[in-house]
Amino acid sequence: MRFSIHASRAAALAAFVLLAATALAQTTSLSGVVNVNLASAEELELLPGVGPARAAAIIAHRKQQGPFKRLDDLLQVSGIGEKALARMKAHCVLEGKTTAKLAGGS
């Protein structure tokens, strides 16, 4: 009996966390683009799936190898695979100004 109570509480908590995460994702969206050749770490972190570690890896790769020539070159950065690139690619550019901003909305 005790196990089933704990299991149902755990299931309810998991459902709550999932709903909260979904709501947060829907209320925060990215508009604009990030120039991956010029962006600061803070600007790179605006990209979906990019936190401090990936931003630092992008900058380190850029410093060692020079500017990215194609967006697919981001696959050479440690920690960026096909799925991560797919999430961020629509918001990445190689030239021009970084215009990305997080915007609230529903």
C-alpha atoms as a PDB file:
ATOM      1  CA  MET A   1       0.000   0.000   0.000  1.00  0.00           C
ATOM      2  CA  ARG A   2       2.759   2.426   0.913  1.00  0.00           C
ATOM      3  CA  PHE A   3       4.495   1.819  -2.432  1.00  0.00           C
ATOM      4  CA  SER A   4       1.394   2.645  -4.469  1.00  0.00           C
ATOM      5  CA  ILE A   5       0.925   5.944  -2.610  1.00  0.00           C
ATOM      6  CA  HIS A   6       4.524   6.936  -3.300  1.00  0.00           C
ATOM      7  CA  ALA A   7       4.254   5.800  -6.910  1.00  0.00           C
ATOM      8  CA  SER A   8       1.110   7.849  -7.492  1.00  0.00           C
ATOM      9  CA  ARG A   9       2.717  10.916  -5.893  1.00  0.00           C
ATOM     10  CA  ALA A  10       5.782  10.461  -8.075  1.00  0.00           C
ATOM     11  CA  ALA A  11       3.604  10.151 -11.172  1.00  0.00           C
ATOM     12  CA  ALA A  12       1.685  13.298 -10.243  1.00  0.00           C
ATOM     13  CA  LEU A  13       4.921  15.194  -9.654  1.00  0.00           C
ATOM     14  CA  ALA A  14       6.340  14.018 -12.992  1.00  0.00           C
ATOM     15  CA  ALA A  15       3.179  15.145 -14.788  1.00  0.00           C
ATOM     16  CA  PHE A  16       3.366  18.550 -13.095  1.00  0.00           C
ATOM     17  CA  VAL A  17       7.007  19.033 -14.082  1.00  0.00           C
ATOM     18  CA  LEU A  18       6.254  18.053 -17.679  1.00  0.00           C
ATOM     19  CA  LEU A  19       3.341  20.491 -17.876  1.00  0.00           C
ATOM     20  CA  ALA A  20       5.398  23.294 -16.330  1.00  0.00           C
ATOM     21  CA  ALA A  21       8.262  22.715 -18.775  1.00  0.00           C
ATOM     22  CA  THR A  22       5.844  22.683 -21.709  1.00  0.00           C
ATOM     23  CA  ALA A  23       4.207  25.912 -20.541  1.00  0.00           C
ATOM     24  CA  LEU A  24       7.591  27.599 -20.157  1.00  0.00           C
ATOM     25  CA  ALA A  25       8.672  26.517 -23.630  1.00  0.00           C
ATOM     26  CA  GLN A  26       5.465  27.935 -25.098  1.00  0.00           C
ATOM     27  CA  THR A  27       5.768  31.301 -23.352  1.00  0.00           C
ATOM     28  CA  THR A  28       9.381  31.978 -24.323  1.00  0.00           C
ATOM     29  CA  SER A  29      10.319  32.144 -27.966  1.00  0.00           C
ATOM     30  CA  LEU A  30      13.310  33.370 -29.874  1.00  0.00           C
ATOM     31  CA  SER A  31      12.934  35.975 -32.556  1.00  0.00           C
ATOM     32  CA  GLY A  32      15.739  37.121 -34.797  1.00  0.00           C
ATOM     33  CA  VAL A  33      19.069  35.494 -35.576  1.00  0.00           C
ATOM     34  CA  VAL A  34      22.477  34.920 -34.016  1.00  0.00           C
ATOM     35  CA  ASN A  35      25.635  35.425 -36.070  1.00  0.00           C
ATOM     36  CA  VAL A  36      27.663  32.419 -34.905  1.00  0.00           C
ATOM     37  CA  ASN A  37      30.855  33.980 -36.259  1.00  0.00           C
ATOM     38  CA  LEU A  38      30.621  37.141 -34.146  1.00  0.00           C
ATOM     39  CA  ALA A  39      28.251  36.394 -31.256  1.00  0.00           C
ATOM     40  CA  SER A  40      29.267  36.648 -27.614  1.00  0.00           C
ATOM     41  CA  ALA A  41      28.671  33.737 -25.254  1.00  0.00           C
ATOM     42  CA  GLU A  42      25.540  35.475 -23.969  1.00  0.00           C
ATOM     43  CA  GLU A  43      24.180  35.849 -27.491  1.00  0.00           C
ATOM     44  CA  LEU A  44      24.972  32.228 -28.372  1.00  0.00           C
ATOM     45  CA  GLU A  45      23.102  31.095 -25.250  1.00  0.00           C
ATOM     46  CA  LEU A  46      19.913  32.533 -26.750  1.00  0.00           C
ATOM     47  CA  LEU A  47      19.957  29.650 -29.233  1.00  0.00           C
ATOM     48  CA  PRO A  48      17.810  26.614 -28.395  1.00  0.00           C
ATOM     49  CA  GLY A  49      19.883  23.981 -26.613  1.00  0.00           C
ATOM     50  CA  VAL A  50      22.928  26.219 -26.130  1.00  0.00           C
ATOM     51  CA  GLY A  51      24.066  26.831 -22.583  1.00  0.00           C
ATOM     52  CA  PRO A  52      27.365  28.088 -21.213  1.00  0.00           C
ATOM     53  CA  ALA A  53      29.341  24.948 -22.150  1.00  0.00           C
ATOM     54  CA  ARG A  54      28.167  24.831 -25.787  1.00  0.00           C
ATOM     55  CA  ALA A  55      28.603  28.587 -26.167  1.00  0.00           C
ATOM     56  CA  ALA A  56      32.181  28.303 -24.898  1.00  0.00           C
ATOM     57  CA  ALA A  57      32.816  25.368 -27.249  1.00  0.00           C
ATOM     58  CA  ILE A  58      31.510  27.377 -30.240  1.00  0.00           C
ATOM     59  CA  ILE A  59      33.743  30.326 -29.365  1.00  0.00           C
ATOM     60  CA  ALA A  60      36.788  28.094 -28.783  1.00  0.00           C
ATOM     61  CA  HIS A  61      36.249  26.338 -32.126  1.00  0.00           C
ATOM     62  CA  ARG A  62      35.814  29.691 -33.858  1.00  0.00           C
ATOM     63  CA  LYS A  63      39.064  31.004 -32.350  1.00  0.00           C
ATOM     64  CA  GLN A  64      41.018  27.870 -33.313  1.00  0.00           C
ATOM     65  CA  GLN A  65      39.560  27.225 -36.772  1.00  0.00           C
ATOM     66  CA  GLY A  66      38.428  30.654 -37.902  1.00  0.00           C
ATOM     67  CA  PRO A  67      34.915  31.649 -38.927  1.00  0.00           C
ATOM     68  CA  PHE A  68      32.342  29.051 -39.836  1.00  0.00           C
ATOM     69  CA  LYS A  69      31.858  28.816 -43.597  1.00  0.00           C
ATOM     70  CA  ARG A  70      28.624  26.784 -43.480  1.00  0.00           C
ATOM     71  CA  LEU A  71      26.126  26.253 -40.680  1.00  0.00           C
ATOM     72  CA  ASP A  72      26.785  22.525 -40.929  1.00  0.00           C
ATOM     73  CA  ASP A  73      30.347  23.269 -39.772  1.00  0.00           C
ATOM     74  CA  LEU A  74      28.844  23.647 -36.287  1.00  0.00           C
ATOM     75  CA  LEU A  75      28.759  19.827 -36.248  1.00  0.00           C
ATOM     76  CA  GLN A  76      32.532  19.972 -35.734  1.00  0.00           C
ATOM     77  CA  VAL A  77      31.985  21.681 -32.361  1.00  0.00           C
ATOM     78  CA  SER A  78      32.186  19.350 -29.380  1.00  0.00           C
ATOM     79  CA  GLY A  79      28.690  18.792 -27.984  1.00  0.00           C
ATOM     80  CA  ILE A  80      26.781  19.713 -31.131  1.00  0.00           C
ATOM     81  CA  GLY A  81      25.230  16.854 -33.038  1.00  0.00           C
ATOM     82  CA  GLU A  82      22.581  16.605 -35.742  1.00  0.00           C
ATOM     83  CA  LYS A  83      19.655  17.085 -33.330  1.00  0.00           C
ATOM     84  CA  ALA A  84      21.185  20.089 -31.575  1.00  0.00           C
ATOM     85  CA  LEU A  85      22.011  21.706 -34.903  1.00  0.00           C
ATOM     86  CA  ALA A  86      18.490  21.093 -36.177  1.00  0.00           C
ATOM     87  CA  ARG A  87      17.042  22.911 -33.134  1.00  0.00           C
ATOM     88  CA  MET A  88      19.229  25.986 -33.533  1.00  0.00           C
ATOM     89  CA  LYS A  89      19.839  26.202 -37.291  1.00  0.00           C
ATOM     90  CA  ALA A  90      16.818  28.386 -38.119  1.00  0.00           C
ATOM     91  CA  HIS A  91      18.181  31.061 -35.782  1.00  0.00           C
ATOM     92  CA  CYS A  92      21.811  30.995 -36.991  1.00  0.00           C
ATOM     93  CA  VAL A  93      23.512  33.112 -39.634  1.00  0.00           C
ATOM     94  CA  LEU A  94      27.123  33.441 -40.754  1.00  0.00           C
ATOM     95  CA  GLU A  95      27.088  37.141 -41.676  1.00  0.00           C
ATOM     96  CA  GLY A  96      25.340  40.262 -40.504  1.00  0.00           C
ATOM     97  CA  LYS A  97      24.180  41.447 -37.139  1.00  0.00           C
ATOM     98  CA  THR A  98      22.872  39.348 -34.261  1.00  0.00           C
ATOM     99  CA  THR A  99      19.250  40.395 -33.778  1.00  0.00           C
ATOM    100  CA  ALA A 100      18.003  37.557 -31.548  1.00  0.00           C
ATOM    101  CA  LYS A 101      15.824  38.374 -28.578  1.00  0.00           C
ATOM    102  CA  LEU A 102      13.809  36.195 -26.231  1.00  0.00           C
ATOM    103  CA  ALA A 103      10.175  37.209 -26.346  1.00  0.00           C
ATOM    104  CA  GLY A 104       7.326  36.219 -24.083  1.00  0.00           C
ATOM    105  CA  GLY A 105       4.016  35.299 -25.609  1.00  0.00           C
ATOM    106  CA  SER A 106       1.463  32.529 -25.743  1.00  0.00           C
END
